[in-house]
C-alpha atoms as a PDB file:
ATOM      1  CA  MET A   1      24.064  18.100   4.961  1.00  0.00           C
ATOM      2  CA  ALA A   2      20.853  19.901   5.868  1.00  0.00           C
ATOM      3  CA  VAL A   3      17.501  18.453   4.891  1.00  0.00           C
ATOM      4  CA  PRO A   4      14.930  21.068   3.902  1.00  0.00           C
ATOM      5  CA  PRO A   5      11.785  20.897   6.055  1.00  0.00           C
ATOM      6  CA  HIS A   6       9.598  20.463   2.981  1.00  0.00           C
ATOM      7  CA  ASP A   7      11.523  17.296   2.113  1.00  0.00           C
ATOM      8  CA  LEU A   8      10.677  15.959   5.571  1.00  0.00           C
ATOM      9  CA  ARG A   9       7.019  16.706   4.862  1.00  0.00           C
ATOM     10  CA  HIS A  10       7.190  14.613   1.688  1.00  0.00           C
ATOM     11  CA  LEU A  11       8.947  11.830   3.585  1.00  0.00           C
ATOM     12  CA  TYR A  12       6.185  11.892   6.198  1.00  0.00           C
ATOM     13  CA  ALA A  13       3.459  11.771   3.547  1.00  0.00           C
ATOM     14  CA  SER A  14       5.219   8.960   1.685  1.00  0.00           C
ATOM     15  CA  GLY A  15       5.488   6.978   4.902  1.00  0.00           C
ATOM     16  CA  LEU A  16       1.790   7.353   5.604  1.00  0.00           C
ATOM     17  CA  VAL A  17       0.889   6.177   2.099  1.00  0.00           C
ATOM     18  CA  ALA A  18       3.343   3.245   2.299  1.00  0.00           C
ATOM     19  CA  ALA A  19       1.783   2.241   5.637  1.00  0.00           C
ATOM     20  CA  GLY A  20      -1.607   1.991   3.914  1.00  0.00           C
ATOM     21  CA  TRP A  21      -3.318   5.132   5.192  1.00  0.00           C
ATOM     22  CA  ASP A  22      -6.193   6.423   3.089  1.00  0.00           C
ATOM     23  CA  VAL A  23      -6.127   9.723   1.212  1.00  0.00           C
ATOM     24  CA  VAL A  24      -8.369  11.579   3.683  1.00  0.00           C
ATOM     25  CA  THR A  25      -6.164  10.621   6.617  1.00  0.00           C
ATOM     26  CA  VAL A  26      -3.052  11.789   4.749  1.00  0.00           C
ATOM     27  CA  GLN A  27      -4.859  14.991   3.694  1.00  0.00           C
ATOM     28  CA  ARG A  28      -5.722  15.813   7.294  1.00  0.00           C
ATOM     29  CA  ALA A  29      -2.237  14.945   8.570  1.00  0.00           C
ATOM     30  CA  LEU A  30      -0.699  17.322   6.040  1.00  0.00           C
ATOM     31  CA  GLY A  31      -3.290  20.046   6.523  1.00  0.00           C
ATOM     32  CA  HIS A  32      -4.416  20.086   2.898  1.00  0.00           C
ATOM     33  CA  SER A  33      -7.759  21.781   2.335  1.00  0.00           C
ATOM     34  CA  SER A  34      -9.009  18.894   0.178  1.00  0.00           C
ATOM     35  CA  ALA A  35      -8.170  15.334  -0.767  1.00  0.00           C
ATOM     36  CA  THR A  36      -7.830  16.552  -4.349  1.00  0.00           C
ATOM     37  CA  ILE A  37      -4.727  18.504  -3.401  1.00  0.00           C
ATOM     38  CA  THR A  38      -3.241  15.478  -1.654  1.00  0.00           C
ATOM     39  CA  LEU A  39      -3.961  13.242  -4.631  1.00  0.00           C
ATOM     40  CA  GLY A  40      -2.515  15.811  -7.012  1.00  0.00           C
ATOM     41  CA  VAL A  41       0.819  15.614  -5.219  1.00  0.00           C
ATOM     42  CA  TYR A  42       0.956  12.030  -3.946  1.00  0.00           C
ATOM     43  CA  SER A  43      -1.358   9.916  -6.143  1.00  0.00           C
ATOM     44  CA  HIS A  44       1.600   8.132  -7.716  1.00  0.00           C
ATOM     45  CA  LEU A  45       2.444   6.618  -4.307  1.00  0.00           C
ATOM     46  CA  TRP A  46      -0.847   4.792  -3.751  1.00  0.00           C
ATOM     47  CA  PRO A  47      -1.030   1.327  -5.278  1.00  0.00           C
ATOM     48  CA  THR A  48      -3.188   0.983  -8.369  1.00  0.00           C
ATOM     49  CA  ALA A  49      -6.067  -1.469  -8.681  1.00  0.00           C
ATOM     50  CA  GLU A  50      -3.762  -3.650 -10.774  1.00  0.00           C
ATOM     51  CA  ASP A  51      -1.152  -3.656  -7.988  1.00  0.00           C
ATOM     52  CA  ARG A  52      -3.774  -4.697  -5.436  1.00  0.00           C
ATOM     53  CA  THR A  53      -5.149  -7.387  -7.753  1.00  0.00           C
ATOM     54  CA  ARG A  54      -1.688  -8.870  -8.310  1.00  0.00           C
ATOM     55  CA  ALA A  55      -0.971  -8.823  -4.578  1.00  0.00           C
ATOM     56  CA  ALA A  56      -4.318 -10.478  -3.770  1.00  0.00           C
ATOM     57  CA  ALA A  57      -3.752 -13.196  -6.396  1.00  0.00           C
ATOM     58  CA  SER A  58      -0.248 -13.815  -5.054  1.00  0.00           C
ATOM     59  CA  ASP A  59      -1.515 -14.057  -1.475  1.00  0.00           C
ATOM     60  CA  LEU A  60      -4.255 -16.450  -2.543  1.00  0.00           C
ATOM     61  CA  MET A  61      -1.809 -18.724  -4.367  1.00  0.00           C
ATOM     62  CA  THR A  62       0.624 -18.674  -1.444  1.00  0.00           C
ATOM     63  CA  ALA A  63      -2.146 -19.664   0.977  1.00  0.00           C
ATOM     64  CA  ALA A  64      -3.387 -22.392  -1.358  1.00  0.00           C
ATOM     65  CA  LEU A  65       0.119 -23.833  -1.734  1.00  0.00           C
ATOM     66  CA  ARG A  66       0.652 -23.785   2.024  1.00  0.00           C
ATOM     67  CA  PHE A  67      -2.655 -25.586   2.492  1.00  0.00           C
ATOM     68  CA  THR A  68      -1.846 -28.311  -0.045  1.00  0.00           C
ATOM     69  CA  ASP A  69       1.690 -28.810   1.310  1.00  0.00           C
ATOM     70  CA  GLY A  70       0.288 -30.093   4.603  1.00  0.00           C
ATOM     71  CA  ALA A  71      -2.775 -31.880   3.246  1.00  0.00           C
ATOM     72  CA  PRO A  72      -2.830 -35.459   1.937  1.00  0.00           C
ATOM     73  CA  GLN A  73      -2.300 -35.675  -1.790  1.00  0.00           C
ATOM     74  CA  ALA A  74      -5.000 -37.264  -3.964  1.00  0.00           C
ATOM     75  CA  SER A  75      -2.619 -40.043  -5.061  1.00  0.00           C
ATOM     76  CA  SER A  76      -2.016 -41.140  -1.424  1.00  0.00           C
ATOM     77  CA  LEU A  77      -5.717 -41.493  -0.539  1.00  0.00           C
END
């Protein structure tokens, strides 16, 4: 089963986005003449502001729970 080279290009771009690279870095890696072209093709792969907000809130809650798990509870003071 042969994989078309263009599919490998999309895989490469998707991997860069998933790794957190910014649009200009991906644009340059792919040789696009502008970030607009890159966003036109791959914008659906970057997380939205809502995705980042949910992730930040989740990380904050996880850290807070870890902190309180090891700290004395108010009732034991």
